[in-house]
N, C-alpha and C. Protein backbone atom coordinates (compact mmCIF):
# COMPACT_ATOMS: atom_id res chain seq x y z
N MET A 1 -7.00 -57.24 -62.19
CA MET A 1 -6.05 -56.14 -62.01
C MET A 1 -4.94 -56.25 -63.06
N GLU A 2 -4.64 -55.13 -63.68
CA GLU A 2 -3.57 -55.11 -64.68
C GLU A 2 -2.22 -55.23 -63.97
N ARG A 3 -1.55 -56.36 -64.20
CA ARG A 3 -0.25 -56.60 -63.57
C ARG A 3 0.57 -57.48 -64.51
N ASP A 4 1.17 -56.83 -65.51
CA ASP A 4 1.91 -57.59 -66.50
C ASP A 4 3.37 -57.14 -66.53
N GLY A 5 4.10 -57.58 -67.55
CA GLY A 5 5.51 -57.19 -67.65
C GLY A 5 6.31 -57.64 -66.46
N ILE A 6 7.07 -56.72 -65.88
CA ILE A 6 7.97 -57.09 -64.77
C ILE A 6 7.21 -57.47 -63.50
N PHE A 7 5.92 -57.12 -63.43
CA PHE A 7 5.12 -57.42 -62.23
C PHE A 7 4.32 -58.72 -62.37
N ALA A 8 4.39 -59.37 -63.53
CA ALA A 8 3.57 -60.55 -63.79
C ALA A 8 4.00 -61.72 -62.91
N GLY A 9 3.02 -62.54 -62.52
CA GLY A 9 3.30 -63.74 -61.75
C GLY A 9 2.28 -63.93 -60.65
N GLU A 10 2.15 -65.17 -60.21
CA GLU A 10 1.17 -65.50 -59.17
C GLU A 10 1.83 -65.83 -57.83
N GLU A 11 3.15 -65.72 -57.76
CA GLU A 11 3.89 -66.06 -56.53
C GLU A 11 4.94 -64.97 -56.32
N PRO A 12 4.81 -64.17 -55.25
CA PRO A 12 5.72 -63.03 -55.10
C PRO A 12 7.19 -63.42 -54.94
N LEU A 13 7.48 -64.55 -54.29
CA LEU A 13 8.88 -64.93 -54.14
C LEU A 13 9.50 -65.29 -55.49
N GLU A 14 8.69 -65.83 -56.38
CA GLU A 14 9.19 -66.13 -57.73
C GLU A 14 9.48 -64.83 -58.49
N ILE A 15 8.60 -63.84 -58.35
CA ILE A 15 8.85 -62.53 -58.98
C ILE A 15 10.13 -61.93 -58.40
N ALA A 16 10.31 -62.05 -57.08
CA ALA A 16 11.51 -61.52 -56.42
C ALA A 16 12.77 -62.20 -56.96
N ARG A 17 12.73 -63.52 -57.15
CA ARG A 17 13.88 -64.23 -57.71
C ARG A 17 14.19 -63.73 -59.12
N ARG A 18 13.14 -63.49 -59.89
CA ARG A 18 13.33 -63.00 -61.26
C ARG A 18 13.98 -61.62 -61.27
N TRP A 19 13.50 -60.74 -60.37
CA TRP A 19 14.07 -59.39 -60.28
C TRP A 19 15.55 -59.46 -59.87
N LEU A 20 15.87 -60.30 -58.90
CA LEU A 20 17.26 -60.43 -58.47
C LEU A 20 18.14 -60.95 -59.61
N ALA A 21 17.64 -61.93 -60.36
CA ALA A 21 18.40 -62.47 -61.49
C ALA A 21 18.67 -61.39 -62.54
N GLU A 22 17.70 -60.52 -62.78
CA GLU A 22 17.90 -59.41 -63.71
C GLU A 22 18.95 -58.44 -63.17
N ALA A 23 18.89 -58.15 -61.87
CA ALA A 23 19.84 -57.22 -61.26
C ALA A 23 21.26 -57.77 -61.34
N GLU A 24 21.42 -59.09 -61.25
CA GLU A 24 22.75 -59.70 -61.31
C GLU A 24 23.41 -59.44 -62.66
N LYS A 25 22.62 -59.15 -63.68
CA LYS A 25 23.17 -58.88 -65.02
C LYS A 25 23.50 -57.40 -65.23
N THR A 26 22.95 -56.52 -64.38
CA THR A 26 23.10 -55.08 -64.64
C THR A 26 23.80 -54.31 -63.55
N GLU A 27 23.69 -54.75 -62.29
CA GLU A 27 24.29 -54.00 -61.19
C GLU A 27 25.79 -54.24 -61.16
N PRO A 28 26.60 -53.18 -61.11
CA PRO A 28 28.06 -53.37 -61.14
C PRO A 28 28.63 -53.97 -59.87
N ASN A 29 27.99 -53.72 -58.72
CA ASN A 29 28.51 -54.23 -57.45
C ASN A 29 27.38 -54.74 -56.56
N ASP A 30 27.56 -55.95 -56.05
CA ASP A 30 26.67 -56.52 -55.04
C ASP A 30 25.18 -56.32 -55.34
N PRO A 31 24.64 -56.95 -56.38
CA PRO A 31 23.21 -56.84 -56.64
C PRO A 31 22.35 -57.43 -55.52
N ASN A 32 22.99 -58.23 -54.65
CA ASN A 32 22.27 -58.82 -53.52
C ASN A 32 22.45 -58.04 -52.23
N ALA A 33 22.97 -56.80 -52.31
CA ALA A 33 23.12 -55.96 -51.11
C ALA A 33 21.74 -55.56 -50.61
N MET A 34 21.50 -55.79 -49.34
CA MET A 34 20.18 -55.61 -48.76
C MET A 34 20.28 -54.80 -47.46
N ALA A 35 19.47 -53.79 -47.33
CA ALA A 35 19.36 -53.07 -46.06
C ALA A 35 18.46 -53.89 -45.15
N LEU A 36 18.97 -54.25 -43.99
CA LEU A 36 18.24 -55.08 -43.03
C LEU A 36 17.88 -54.25 -41.81
N ALA A 37 16.60 -54.18 -41.48
CA ALA A 37 16.13 -53.43 -40.31
C ALA A 37 15.68 -54.40 -39.23
N THR A 38 16.14 -54.14 -38.01
CA THR A 38 15.76 -54.95 -36.85
C THR A 38 15.29 -54.01 -35.74
N VAL A 39 14.81 -54.62 -34.66
CA VAL A 39 14.37 -53.85 -33.50
C VAL A 39 15.40 -54.02 -32.39
N GLY A 40 15.98 -52.91 -31.94
CA GLY A 40 16.99 -52.95 -30.89
C GLY A 40 16.39 -52.74 -29.51
N GLU A 41 17.28 -52.48 -28.56
CA GLU A 41 16.85 -52.25 -27.18
C GLU A 41 15.90 -51.09 -27.08
N GLY A 42 14.87 -51.25 -26.27
CA GLY A 42 13.90 -50.19 -26.07
C GLY A 42 13.05 -49.89 -27.29
N GLY A 43 13.05 -50.81 -28.27
CA GLY A 43 12.24 -50.61 -29.47
C GLY A 43 12.88 -49.71 -30.51
N LEU A 44 14.13 -49.28 -30.28
CA LEU A 44 14.81 -48.41 -31.23
C LEU A 44 15.20 -49.20 -32.47
N PRO A 45 14.82 -48.75 -33.68
CA PRO A 45 15.17 -49.50 -34.88
C PRO A 45 16.67 -49.42 -35.18
N ASN A 46 17.14 -50.42 -35.91
CA ASN A 46 18.53 -50.49 -36.30
C ASN A 46 18.57 -50.99 -37.74
N VAL A 47 19.45 -50.44 -38.57
CA VAL A 47 19.52 -50.88 -39.97
C VAL A 47 20.97 -50.92 -40.40
N ARG A 48 21.29 -51.90 -41.27
CA ARG A 48 22.64 -52.05 -41.82
C ARG A 48 22.53 -52.83 -43.13
N MET A 49 23.63 -52.81 -43.90
CA MET A 49 23.67 -53.55 -45.15
C MET A 49 24.21 -54.96 -44.90
N VAL A 50 23.55 -55.95 -45.49
CA VAL A 50 24.02 -57.33 -45.48
C VAL A 50 23.91 -57.87 -46.91
N LEU A 51 24.43 -59.07 -47.14
CA LEU A 51 24.30 -59.68 -48.46
C LEU A 51 23.26 -60.78 -48.41
N LEU A 52 22.22 -60.62 -49.20
CA LEU A 52 21.19 -61.65 -49.35
C LEU A 52 21.81 -62.82 -50.09
N LYS A 53 21.69 -64.02 -49.56
CA LYS A 53 22.33 -65.17 -50.19
C LYS A 53 21.35 -66.08 -50.93
N GLU A 54 20.08 -65.98 -50.61
CA GLU A 54 19.12 -66.87 -51.28
C GLU A 54 17.71 -66.33 -51.11
N ILE A 55 16.93 -66.45 -52.17
CA ILE A 55 15.48 -66.30 -52.05
C ILE A 55 14.93 -67.70 -52.28
N GLY A 56 14.68 -68.39 -51.18
CA GLY A 56 14.20 -69.77 -51.25
C GLY A 56 12.69 -69.82 -51.33
N ASP A 57 12.16 -71.04 -51.23
CA ASP A 57 10.70 -71.20 -51.27
C ASP A 57 10.05 -70.51 -50.08
N GLY A 58 10.77 -70.49 -48.95
CA GLY A 58 10.18 -69.93 -47.75
C GLY A 58 10.46 -68.47 -47.48
N GLY A 59 11.52 -67.92 -48.09
CA GLY A 59 11.82 -66.53 -47.79
C GLY A 59 13.22 -66.12 -48.18
N PHE A 60 13.70 -65.06 -47.53
CA PHE A 60 14.95 -64.39 -47.84
C PHE A 60 16.01 -64.78 -46.80
N VAL A 61 17.15 -65.30 -47.25
CA VAL A 61 18.15 -65.85 -46.34
C VAL A 61 19.46 -65.06 -46.42
N PHE A 62 20.01 -64.72 -45.26
CA PHE A 62 21.34 -64.13 -45.17
C PHE A 62 22.07 -64.79 -44.00
N TYR A 63 23.39 -64.60 -43.93
CA TYR A 63 24.21 -65.25 -42.91
C TYR A 63 24.98 -64.22 -42.11
N THR A 64 25.22 -64.57 -40.84
CA THR A 64 25.93 -63.64 -39.96
C THR A 64 26.39 -64.35 -38.69
N ASN A 65 27.07 -63.60 -37.85
CA ASN A 65 27.45 -64.05 -36.52
C ASN A 65 26.23 -63.87 -35.61
N TYR A 66 25.81 -64.95 -34.96
CA TYR A 66 24.63 -64.86 -34.09
C TYR A 66 24.86 -63.96 -32.87
N HIS A 67 26.13 -63.72 -32.52
CA HIS A 67 26.44 -62.86 -31.37
C HIS A 67 26.56 -61.38 -31.77
N SER A 68 26.43 -61.09 -33.06
CA SER A 68 26.50 -59.70 -33.52
C SER A 68 25.28 -58.93 -33.02
N ALA A 69 25.31 -57.61 -33.21
CA ALA A 69 24.16 -56.80 -32.79
C ALA A 69 22.89 -57.27 -33.48
N LYS A 70 22.95 -57.50 -34.78
CA LYS A 70 21.74 -57.93 -35.49
C LYS A 70 21.30 -59.31 -35.05
N GLY A 71 22.29 -60.20 -34.78
CA GLY A 71 21.95 -61.54 -34.31
C GLY A 71 21.24 -61.50 -32.96
N ARG A 72 21.75 -60.68 -32.06
CA ARG A 72 21.13 -60.55 -30.73
C ARG A 72 19.73 -59.93 -30.85
N GLU A 73 19.61 -58.90 -31.70
CA GLU A 73 18.31 -58.24 -31.86
C GLU A 73 17.28 -59.19 -32.46
N LEU A 74 17.71 -59.99 -33.44
CA LEU A 74 16.77 -60.95 -34.04
C LEU A 74 16.41 -62.06 -33.07
N GLY A 75 17.34 -62.41 -32.19
CA GLY A 75 17.02 -63.39 -31.15
C GLY A 75 15.97 -62.89 -30.19
N ALA A 76 16.07 -61.60 -29.84
CA ALA A 76 15.13 -61.00 -28.89
C ALA A 76 13.80 -60.64 -29.54
N HIS A 77 13.84 -60.20 -30.78
CA HIS A 77 12.64 -59.77 -31.52
C HIS A 77 12.72 -60.39 -32.92
N PRO A 78 12.19 -61.61 -33.10
CA PRO A 78 12.38 -62.32 -34.37
C PRO A 78 11.47 -61.81 -35.50
N MET A 79 11.63 -60.52 -35.81
CA MET A 79 10.94 -59.89 -36.93
C MET A 79 11.94 -58.95 -37.58
N ALA A 80 11.81 -58.80 -38.91
CA ALA A 80 12.75 -57.92 -39.60
C ALA A 80 12.13 -57.43 -40.90
N ALA A 81 12.75 -56.40 -41.45
CA ALA A 81 12.38 -55.87 -42.76
C ALA A 81 13.64 -55.73 -43.59
N GLY A 82 13.49 -55.87 -44.89
CA GLY A 82 14.63 -55.72 -45.79
C GLY A 82 14.23 -54.95 -47.03
N VAL A 83 15.23 -54.34 -47.65
CA VAL A 83 15.00 -53.65 -48.93
C VAL A 83 16.22 -53.83 -49.81
N LEU A 84 15.95 -54.14 -51.09
CA LEU A 84 16.99 -54.16 -52.12
C LEU A 84 16.65 -53.07 -53.11
N HIS A 85 17.65 -52.24 -53.43
CA HIS A 85 17.45 -51.15 -54.40
C HIS A 85 18.43 -51.33 -55.53
N TRP A 86 17.90 -51.40 -56.76
CA TRP A 86 18.74 -51.60 -57.94
C TRP A 86 18.68 -50.35 -58.80
N LYS A 87 19.72 -49.53 -58.68
CA LYS A 87 19.75 -48.25 -59.38
C LYS A 87 19.73 -48.44 -60.89
N SER A 88 20.45 -49.47 -61.38
CA SER A 88 20.53 -49.70 -62.82
C SER A 88 19.16 -50.05 -63.42
N LEU A 89 18.32 -50.73 -62.64
CA LEU A 89 17.00 -51.13 -63.12
C LEU A 89 15.91 -50.14 -62.71
N ARG A 90 16.28 -49.22 -61.79
CA ARG A 90 15.29 -48.26 -61.25
C ARG A 90 14.12 -49.01 -60.60
N ARG A 91 14.52 -49.98 -59.77
CA ARG A 91 13.53 -50.81 -59.06
C ARG A 91 13.93 -50.98 -57.61
N GLN A 92 12.93 -51.33 -56.81
CA GLN A 92 13.14 -51.57 -55.39
C GLN A 92 12.22 -52.69 -54.94
N LEU A 93 12.74 -53.52 -54.04
CA LEU A 93 11.98 -54.63 -53.47
C LEU A 93 12.04 -54.50 -51.96
N ARG A 94 10.87 -54.42 -51.33
CA ARG A 94 10.79 -54.32 -49.87
C ARG A 94 10.03 -55.53 -49.34
N PHE A 95 10.41 -55.98 -48.13
CA PHE A 95 9.69 -57.10 -47.52
C PHE A 95 9.85 -57.04 -46.02
N ARG A 96 8.92 -57.66 -45.31
CA ARG A 96 9.04 -57.77 -43.85
C ARG A 96 8.27 -58.99 -43.38
N GLY A 97 8.73 -59.55 -42.25
CA GLY A 97 8.08 -60.75 -41.76
C GLY A 97 8.78 -61.34 -40.56
N HIS A 98 8.49 -62.62 -40.34
CA HIS A 98 9.04 -63.36 -39.20
C HIS A 98 10.42 -63.91 -39.54
N VAL A 99 11.25 -64.07 -38.50
CA VAL A 99 12.63 -64.53 -38.70
C VAL A 99 12.86 -65.83 -37.93
N THR A 100 13.51 -66.77 -38.61
CA THR A 100 13.96 -68.02 -37.99
C THR A 100 15.41 -68.25 -38.37
N ARG A 101 16.09 -69.08 -37.61
CA ARG A 101 17.47 -69.43 -37.94
C ARG A 101 17.51 -70.43 -39.09
N GLU A 102 18.51 -70.31 -39.93
CA GLU A 102 18.77 -71.25 -41.03
C GLU A 102 20.09 -71.94 -40.70
N GLU A 103 19.99 -73.16 -40.15
CA GLU A 103 21.18 -73.86 -39.67
C GLU A 103 21.30 -75.22 -40.35
N GLY A 104 22.18 -76.04 -39.85
CA GLY A 104 22.32 -77.40 -40.36
C GLY A 104 23.10 -77.46 -41.66
N ALA A 105 22.74 -78.45 -42.49
CA ALA A 105 23.50 -78.77 -43.70
C ALA A 105 23.58 -77.59 -44.66
N ARG A 106 22.49 -76.85 -44.80
CA ARG A 106 22.50 -75.72 -45.74
C ARG A 106 23.49 -74.64 -45.30
N ALA A 107 23.49 -74.33 -44.01
CA ALA A 107 24.43 -73.33 -43.49
C ALA A 107 25.86 -73.85 -43.59
N ASP A 108 26.06 -75.14 -43.30
CA ASP A 108 27.39 -75.73 -43.41
C ASP A 108 27.91 -75.62 -44.84
N ALA A 109 27.03 -75.92 -45.81
CA ALA A 109 27.43 -75.89 -47.22
C ALA A 109 27.79 -74.47 -47.65
N TYR A 110 27.00 -73.50 -47.22
CA TYR A 110 27.33 -72.12 -47.60
C TYR A 110 28.65 -71.69 -46.97
N PHE A 111 28.84 -72.01 -45.68
CA PHE A 111 30.08 -71.63 -45.01
C PHE A 111 31.28 -72.24 -45.74
N ALA A 112 31.18 -73.51 -46.13
CA ALA A 112 32.27 -74.20 -46.81
C ALA A 112 32.57 -73.57 -48.17
N SER A 113 31.57 -72.91 -48.79
CA SER A 113 31.77 -72.31 -50.10
C SER A 113 32.52 -70.97 -50.03
N ARG A 114 32.63 -70.39 -48.84
CA ARG A 114 33.29 -69.10 -48.70
C ARG A 114 34.81 -69.27 -48.80
N SER A 115 35.50 -68.19 -49.08
CA SER A 115 36.96 -68.25 -49.15
C SER A 115 37.52 -68.62 -47.78
N LEU A 116 38.71 -69.21 -47.78
CA LEU A 116 39.34 -69.60 -46.52
C LEU A 116 39.51 -68.40 -45.60
N ARG A 117 39.93 -67.26 -46.15
CA ARG A 117 40.13 -66.08 -45.30
C ARG A 117 38.82 -65.63 -44.66
N SER A 118 37.72 -65.71 -45.40
CA SER A 118 36.42 -65.33 -44.84
C SER A 118 36.00 -66.29 -43.73
N ARG A 119 36.27 -67.58 -43.92
CA ARG A 119 35.93 -68.56 -42.89
C ARG A 119 36.76 -68.35 -41.62
N LEU A 120 38.04 -68.08 -41.80
CA LEU A 120 38.89 -67.81 -40.63
C LEU A 120 38.48 -66.51 -39.95
N GLY A 121 38.10 -65.52 -40.76
CA GLY A 121 37.64 -64.25 -40.21
C GLY A 121 36.38 -64.41 -39.37
N ALA A 122 35.50 -65.31 -39.81
CA ALA A 122 34.27 -65.56 -39.05
C ALA A 122 34.59 -66.10 -37.67
N TRP A 123 35.60 -66.97 -37.59
CA TRP A 123 36.03 -67.50 -36.29
C TRP A 123 36.70 -66.42 -35.44
N ALA A 124 37.48 -65.55 -36.09
CA ALA A 124 38.30 -64.59 -35.34
C ALA A 124 37.53 -63.38 -34.83
N SER A 125 36.53 -62.94 -35.57
CA SER A 125 35.84 -61.70 -35.23
C SER A 125 34.77 -61.91 -34.16
N ARG A 126 34.84 -61.10 -33.13
CA ARG A 126 33.75 -61.04 -32.13
C ARG A 126 32.85 -59.88 -32.57
N GLN A 127 32.09 -60.15 -33.62
CA GLN A 127 31.36 -59.11 -34.34
C GLN A 127 30.54 -58.21 -33.43
N SER A 128 30.67 -56.92 -33.65
CA SER A 128 29.95 -55.85 -32.95
C SER A 128 30.52 -55.53 -31.57
N GLU A 129 31.49 -56.30 -31.09
CA GLU A 129 32.10 -55.99 -29.80
C GLU A 129 33.25 -54.99 -30.00
N PRO A 130 33.61 -54.22 -28.95
CA PRO A 130 34.73 -53.27 -29.08
C PRO A 130 36.02 -53.98 -29.47
N LEU A 131 36.84 -53.29 -30.28
CA LEU A 131 38.11 -53.83 -30.77
C LEU A 131 39.23 -52.84 -30.44
N ALA A 132 40.29 -53.34 -29.82
CA ALA A 132 41.39 -52.46 -29.41
C ALA A 132 42.11 -51.87 -30.61
N SER A 133 42.37 -52.70 -31.64
CA SER A 133 43.12 -52.21 -32.80
C SER A 133 42.98 -53.21 -33.94
N ARG A 134 43.34 -52.75 -35.13
CA ARG A 134 43.38 -53.65 -36.29
C ARG A 134 44.42 -54.75 -36.06
N ALA A 135 45.54 -54.38 -35.44
CA ALA A 135 46.60 -55.35 -35.17
C ALA A 135 46.09 -56.48 -34.26
N ALA A 136 45.25 -56.14 -33.29
CA ALA A 136 44.69 -57.15 -32.39
C ALA A 136 43.81 -58.13 -33.16
N LEU A 137 43.05 -57.61 -34.10
CA LEU A 137 42.20 -58.47 -34.93
C LEU A 137 43.05 -59.41 -35.77
N MET A 138 44.10 -58.88 -36.41
CA MET A 138 44.95 -59.71 -37.27
C MET A 138 45.70 -60.76 -36.45
N ALA A 139 46.05 -60.42 -35.22
CA ALA A 139 46.70 -61.40 -34.34
C ALA A 139 45.74 -62.54 -34.03
N GLU A 140 44.48 -62.21 -33.83
CA GLU A 140 43.47 -63.24 -33.56
C GLU A 140 43.28 -64.12 -34.79
N VAL A 141 43.29 -63.53 -35.98
CA VAL A 141 43.19 -64.32 -37.21
C VAL A 141 44.37 -65.29 -37.30
N ALA A 142 45.55 -64.84 -36.97
CA ALA A 142 46.73 -65.72 -37.00
C ALA A 142 46.57 -66.88 -36.03
N LYS A 143 46.06 -66.61 -34.83
CA LYS A 143 45.84 -67.69 -33.85
C LYS A 143 44.82 -68.69 -34.36
N VAL A 144 43.73 -68.18 -34.91
CA VAL A 144 42.67 -69.06 -35.43
C VAL A 144 43.20 -69.91 -36.58
N THR A 145 44.02 -69.31 -37.44
CA THR A 145 44.60 -70.04 -38.57
C THR A 145 45.44 -71.21 -38.07
N ALA A 146 46.22 -70.98 -37.03
CA ALA A 146 47.06 -72.04 -36.47
C ALA A 146 46.20 -73.14 -35.84
N ARG A 147 45.11 -72.76 -35.21
CA ARG A 147 44.25 -73.73 -34.52
C ARG A 147 43.33 -74.50 -35.46
N LYS A 148 42.75 -73.79 -36.43
CA LYS A 148 41.68 -74.39 -37.26
C LYS A 148 42.18 -75.00 -38.56
N GLY A 149 43.36 -74.58 -39.02
CA GLY A 149 43.92 -75.17 -40.22
C GLY A 149 43.23 -74.72 -41.50
N PRO A 150 43.44 -75.46 -42.60
CA PRO A 150 42.99 -75.02 -43.92
C PRO A 150 41.51 -75.30 -44.23
N ASN A 151 40.83 -76.00 -43.33
CA ASN A 151 39.42 -76.31 -43.61
C ASN A 151 38.58 -76.16 -42.34
N PRO A 152 38.44 -74.92 -41.84
CA PRO A 152 37.71 -74.73 -40.58
C PRO A 152 36.22 -75.03 -40.75
N PRO A 153 35.60 -75.68 -39.77
CA PRO A 153 34.16 -75.93 -39.84
C PRO A 153 33.38 -74.65 -39.53
N ARG A 154 32.10 -74.69 -39.77
CA ARG A 154 31.25 -73.53 -39.44
C ARG A 154 31.22 -73.35 -37.93
N PRO A 155 31.48 -72.13 -37.44
CA PRO A 155 31.40 -71.89 -36.00
C PRO A 155 29.98 -72.10 -35.48
N PRO A 156 29.83 -72.54 -34.26
CA PRO A 156 28.48 -72.73 -33.70
C PRO A 156 27.73 -71.41 -33.52
N PHE A 157 28.47 -70.30 -33.51
CA PHE A 157 27.84 -68.98 -33.34
C PHE A 157 27.61 -68.27 -34.67
N TRP A 158 27.70 -68.99 -35.76
CA TRP A 158 27.58 -68.37 -37.09
C TRP A 158 26.61 -69.21 -37.92
N GLY A 159 25.70 -68.52 -38.60
CA GLY A 159 24.75 -69.25 -39.44
C GLY A 159 23.79 -68.29 -40.12
N GLY A 160 22.68 -68.84 -40.57
CA GLY A 160 21.75 -68.05 -41.36
C GLY A 160 20.52 -67.61 -40.59
N PHE A 161 19.88 -66.60 -41.16
CA PHE A 161 18.55 -66.17 -40.74
C PHE A 161 17.67 -66.15 -41.98
N LYS A 162 16.45 -66.60 -41.84
CA LYS A 162 15.49 -66.55 -42.93
C LYS A 162 14.33 -65.64 -42.55
N ILE A 163 14.06 -64.64 -43.38
CA ILE A 163 12.89 -63.78 -43.20
C ILE A 163 11.76 -64.39 -44.02
N THR A 164 10.75 -64.90 -43.34
CA THR A 164 9.56 -65.44 -44.01
C THR A 164 8.56 -64.30 -44.11
N PRO A 165 8.34 -63.79 -45.32
CA PRO A 165 7.60 -62.53 -45.44
C PRO A 165 6.09 -62.66 -45.25
N LEU A 166 5.53 -61.62 -44.63
CA LEU A 166 4.09 -61.42 -44.58
C LEU A 166 3.69 -60.32 -45.57
N GLU A 167 4.69 -59.57 -46.03
CA GLU A 167 4.45 -58.47 -46.97
C GLU A 167 5.66 -58.32 -47.88
N ILE A 168 5.39 -58.19 -49.18
CA ILE A 168 6.44 -57.94 -50.18
C ILE A 168 5.93 -56.86 -51.12
N GLU A 169 6.73 -55.81 -51.30
CA GLU A 169 6.33 -54.73 -52.21
C GLU A 169 7.34 -54.60 -53.35
N PHE A 170 6.80 -54.53 -54.56
CA PHE A 170 7.59 -54.33 -55.77
C PHE A 170 7.36 -52.91 -56.26
N TRP A 171 8.44 -52.17 -56.48
CA TRP A 171 8.38 -50.76 -56.86
C TRP A 171 9.24 -50.55 -58.10
N ALA A 172 8.69 -49.84 -59.09
CA ALA A 172 9.45 -49.49 -60.28
C ALA A 172 9.26 -48.01 -60.57
N ASP A 173 10.36 -47.36 -60.92
CA ASP A 173 10.37 -45.93 -61.19
C ASP A 173 9.46 -45.59 -62.37
N GLY A 174 8.70 -44.50 -62.22
CA GLY A 174 7.83 -44.05 -63.30
C GLY A 174 8.10 -42.60 -63.65
N ALA A 175 7.70 -42.20 -64.85
CA ALA A 175 7.89 -40.82 -65.29
C ALA A 175 7.13 -39.87 -64.37
N PHE A 176 7.72 -38.71 -64.13
CA PHE A 176 7.10 -37.65 -63.30
C PHE A 176 6.80 -38.14 -61.89
N ARG A 177 7.61 -39.09 -61.41
CA ARG A 177 7.46 -39.68 -60.08
C ARG A 177 6.12 -40.40 -59.89
N LEU A 178 5.51 -40.82 -60.99
CA LEU A 178 4.29 -41.63 -60.94
C LEU A 178 4.72 -43.09 -61.03
N HIS A 179 5.26 -43.59 -59.92
CA HIS A 179 5.86 -44.91 -59.89
C HIS A 179 4.79 -46.00 -59.89
N ASP A 180 5.21 -47.21 -60.25
CA ASP A 180 4.34 -48.39 -60.16
C ASP A 180 4.70 -49.15 -58.91
N ARG A 181 3.66 -49.47 -58.10
CA ARG A 181 3.87 -50.20 -56.86
C ARG A 181 2.79 -51.26 -56.70
N PHE A 182 3.24 -52.48 -56.39
CA PHE A 182 2.31 -53.56 -56.07
C PHE A 182 2.76 -54.19 -54.77
N VAL A 183 1.83 -54.36 -53.83
CA VAL A 183 2.16 -54.97 -52.54
C VAL A 183 1.37 -56.26 -52.39
N TRP A 184 2.09 -57.31 -52.00
CA TRP A 184 1.51 -58.61 -51.69
C TRP A 184 1.47 -58.74 -50.17
N ARG A 185 0.33 -59.17 -49.64
CA ARG A 185 0.19 -59.32 -48.18
C ARG A 185 -0.51 -60.64 -47.86
N ARG A 186 -0.19 -61.16 -46.68
CA ARG A 186 -0.92 -62.32 -46.16
C ARG A 186 -0.97 -62.20 -44.64
N ALA A 187 -2.02 -62.76 -44.05
CA ALA A 187 -2.24 -62.60 -42.61
C ALA A 187 -1.29 -63.45 -41.78
N SER A 188 -0.83 -64.57 -42.32
CA SER A 188 0.10 -65.46 -41.63
C SER A 188 0.93 -66.18 -42.68
N VAL A 189 1.95 -66.89 -42.25
CA VAL A 189 2.84 -67.55 -43.22
C VAL A 189 2.13 -68.68 -43.96
N ASP A 190 1.00 -69.16 -43.43
CA ASP A 190 0.25 -70.23 -44.09
C ASP A 190 -0.94 -69.71 -44.89
N ALA A 191 -1.21 -68.43 -44.81
CA ALA A 191 -2.39 -67.84 -45.47
C ALA A 191 -2.08 -67.55 -46.94
N PRO A 192 -3.11 -67.45 -47.77
CA PRO A 192 -2.89 -67.11 -49.18
C PRO A 192 -2.51 -65.63 -49.32
N TRP A 193 -1.82 -65.34 -50.41
CA TRP A 193 -1.42 -63.96 -50.70
C TRP A 193 -2.56 -63.20 -51.36
N SER A 194 -2.64 -61.91 -51.07
CA SER A 194 -3.47 -60.98 -51.85
C SER A 194 -2.56 -59.89 -52.36
N VAL A 195 -2.93 -59.26 -53.48
CA VAL A 195 -2.07 -58.25 -54.07
C VAL A 195 -2.87 -57.01 -54.42
N GLN A 196 -2.28 -55.85 -54.20
CA GLN A 196 -2.93 -54.57 -54.45
C GLN A 196 -1.96 -53.64 -55.16
N ARG A 197 -2.50 -52.82 -56.04
CA ARG A 197 -1.70 -51.72 -56.59
C ARG A 197 -1.79 -50.55 -55.60
N LEU A 198 -0.66 -49.86 -55.38
CA LEU A 198 -0.63 -48.71 -54.48
C LEU A 198 -0.37 -47.44 -55.26
N ASN A 199 -0.84 -46.32 -54.73
CA ASN A 199 -0.47 -45.03 -55.28
C ASN A 199 1.03 -44.84 -55.13
N PRO A 200 1.65 -44.07 -56.04
CA PRO A 200 3.09 -43.82 -55.91
C PRO A 200 3.43 -42.98 -54.70
C-alpha cells in the first residue's frame, strides 16, 4: 500500500508523535488541544476540550480532576475518543480506545511542573459542581493557599487518564475535498495493528 510522506511509518503512535511535533512548530495556540468524547448517563455522549500532555508508548495521556464530569464518566465507562485538529497543517488525528488512570510518580511529576497558581486551583476547584460566584471560588483559593503553602502536593482526586487506542485515523486535507485518510486498527491492545486507506 502506498503510504509515504507524512503517513510513513510502521507504528501509529510514532506517526502521531511526529504530527504533534510538527504542529508545535506551526499552531499559534495550544497545538495539543484535544476534543475528548466520553459516555455520560443513559449513554448520552459528552465532549469537551482538554490538553493532551503526552503520547507515550501506550497511548494518549491527559490530566484532570477525577471528580469532574469527565472523570466520573470515564470511571463508569472506561472508553473514550479524541481528536486533534491542526488548521495550520490542514490535518486531523482521531483515536478511540480503552481508558485507564495514569497515577503515581508520573502524575506527581507533571503536577509539580505546573505553575503554583494552577496547582492551588486544582485543590480549590470542585470541578463541574455548581458554583455560587467567582468570589466564592477566589475565597476558596485563598484558603487553600494558606493551608497548602508554596509547594502543594498532587491532590488524591487529581491525576491522569491514558487512552490506549484500538483505532487511530490520520487525515490530511486534499484538493477538491479528495482527502487522504489512513486508519490503523487492532482487535485488542495486545493485537498487531493493520492499516487501511479510506475514501475521503
